[in-house]
Amino acid sequence: MTEPPSGGAVPDRPSVTDPEQVAPHAEYWRRNIRYVGVLLAIWFGVSYGFGILLAEPLNAFHLPGTSFPLGFWFAQQGAIYVFVVLIFVYVRLMNSLDREFAVDEGGDR
């Protein structure tokens, strides 16, 4: 393997220990963790709340076009669908955050 010409450091990327980068780096991760926390809370609310705690009241309603009770559907399918949607929401949020902090991968969007 060959060493980069600058003695091991990559010249285009500032170090996260650089004093100018510490505050933006901390803010980036603070917002990232906030996104994860909110999205996990939504998923928990849907999967546990609708699928377990509110299953009986929701069973009074049926999924349109089917005979499946809504509480059963949330317990069996709905939480999974919400989780997949939340993955796409997280990707969009992180792409936006990456662009804002200039750490995006630079791909076409």
Protein backbone atom coordinates (compact mmCIF):
# COMPACT_ATOMS: atom_id res chain seq x y z
CA MET A 1 0.00 0.00 0.00
CA THR A 2 1.17 3.47 -0.70
CA GLU A 3 0.90 6.39 1.73
CA PRO A 4 -0.94 9.53 0.72
CA PRO A 5 1.51 12.31 -0.17
CA SER A 6 0.69 14.35 2.95
CA GLY A 7 2.24 11.86 5.35
CA GLY A 8 -0.85 9.79 6.08
CA ALA A 9 -3.53 12.45 6.32
CA VAL A 10 -6.07 12.89 3.58
CA PRO A 11 -5.75 16.55 2.50
CA ASP A 12 -9.37 17.19 1.42
CA ARG A 13 -11.01 16.00 4.63
CA PRO A 14 -10.60 17.95 7.85
CA SER A 15 -10.21 15.93 11.01
CA VAL A 16 -13.16 15.77 13.40
CA THR A 17 -10.70 16.65 16.17
CA ASP A 18 -9.89 19.94 14.45
CA PRO A 19 -11.23 22.72 16.75
CA GLU A 20 -13.16 24.25 13.83
CA GLN A 21 -14.89 20.92 13.21
CA VAL A 22 -15.80 19.89 16.76
CA ALA A 23 -18.99 21.99 17.06
CA PRO A 24 -20.39 21.10 13.60
CA HIS A 25 -19.54 17.43 14.16
CA ALA A 26 -21.33 17.42 17.52
CA GLU A 27 -24.37 19.18 16.02
CA TYR A 28 -24.47 16.68 13.13
CA TRP A 29 -24.57 13.72 15.53
CA ARG A 30 -27.01 15.44 17.88
CA ARG A 31 -29.46 15.89 15.01
CA ASN A 32 -28.82 12.37 13.72
CA ILE A 33 -29.63 10.88 17.13
CA ARG A 34 -32.72 13.09 17.39
CA TYR A 35 -33.94 11.78 14.01
CA VAL A 36 -33.36 8.19 15.09
CA GLY A 37 -35.13 8.74 18.41
CA VAL A 38 -38.20 10.33 16.85
CA LEU A 39 -38.48 7.68 14.13
CA LEU A 40 -38.09 4.84 16.64
CA ALA A 41 -40.74 6.43 18.86
CA ILE A 42 -43.12 6.55 15.89
CA TRP A 43 -42.39 2.92 15.08
CA PHE A 44 -42.87 1.91 18.71
CA GLY A 45 -46.15 3.80 18.87
CA VAL A 46 -47.45 2.12 15.75
CA SER A 47 -46.23 -1.40 16.46
CA TYR A 48 -46.89 -1.56 20.21
CA GLY A 49 -49.70 0.96 20.47
CA PHE A 50 -51.79 0.01 17.44
CA GLY A 51 -50.72 -3.62 17.23
CA ILE A 52 -51.10 -4.54 20.92
CA LEU A 53 -52.64 -1.90 23.18
CA LEU A 54 -55.28 -0.58 20.77
CA ALA A 55 -55.84 -3.80 18.82
CA GLU A 56 -59.25 -4.52 20.33
CA PRO A 57 -60.77 -1.07 19.66
CA LEU A 58 -59.22 -1.05 16.17
CA ASN A 59 -60.72 -4.46 15.44
CA ALA A 60 -64.10 -2.75 15.27
CA PHE A 61 -62.93 -1.35 11.92
CA HIS A 62 -62.01 -3.36 8.85
CA LEU A 63 -59.41 -2.66 6.21
CA PRO A 64 -61.28 -1.27 3.18
CA GLY A 65 -61.89 -3.95 0.58
CA THR A 66 -61.02 -6.80 2.94
CA SER A 67 -62.51 -8.52 5.94
CA PHE A 68 -59.35 -8.06 8.04
CA PRO A 69 -59.85 -6.25 11.35
CA LEU A 70 -57.66 -3.14 11.52
CA GLY A 71 -56.02 -4.13 14.84
CA PHE A 72 -55.04 -7.52 13.41
CA TRP A 73 -53.68 -5.85 10.30
CA PHE A 74 -51.49 -3.46 12.30
CA ALA A 75 -50.15 -6.34 14.38
CA GLN A 76 -49.37 -8.49 11.34
CA GLN A 77 -48.54 -6.09 8.50
CA GLY A 78 -48.97 -2.44 9.41
CA ALA A 79 -45.99 -2.14 11.75
CA ILE A 80 -43.73 -3.66 9.10
CA TYR A 81 -44.99 -1.27 6.42
CA VAL A 82 -44.55 1.69 8.74
CA PHE A 83 -41.00 0.54 9.51
CA VAL A 84 -40.14 0.37 5.80
CA VAL A 85 -41.61 3.84 5.23
CA LEU A 86 -39.60 5.15 8.18
CA ILE A 87 -36.42 3.77 6.61
CA PHE A 88 -37.07 5.86 3.49
CA VAL A 89 -37.88 8.90 5.66
CA TYR A 90 -34.58 8.41 7.51
CA VAL A 91 -32.67 8.18 4.23
CA ARG A 92 -34.17 11.46 3.03
CA LEU A 93 -33.52 13.18 6.36
CA MET A 94 -29.90 11.98 6.43
CA ASN A 95 -29.26 12.96 2.80
CA SER A 96 -30.51 16.44 3.63
CA LEU A 97 -28.41 16.57 6.80
CA ASP A 98 -25.33 15.31 4.94
CA ARG A 99 -25.71 18.05 2.32
CA GLU A 100 -26.22 20.69 5.01
CA PHE A 101 -22.99 19.69 6.77
CA ALA A 102 -21.11 19.07 3.49
CA VAL A 103 -20.47 15.39 4.19
CA ASP A 104 -22.66 13.97 1.42
CA GLU A 105 -21.32 11.39 -0.96
CA GLY A 106 -21.80 13.68 -3.94
CA GLY A 107 -23.99 11.31 -5.95
CA ASP A 108 -26.69 12.43 -8.36
CA ARG A 109 -30.03 13.16 -6.74
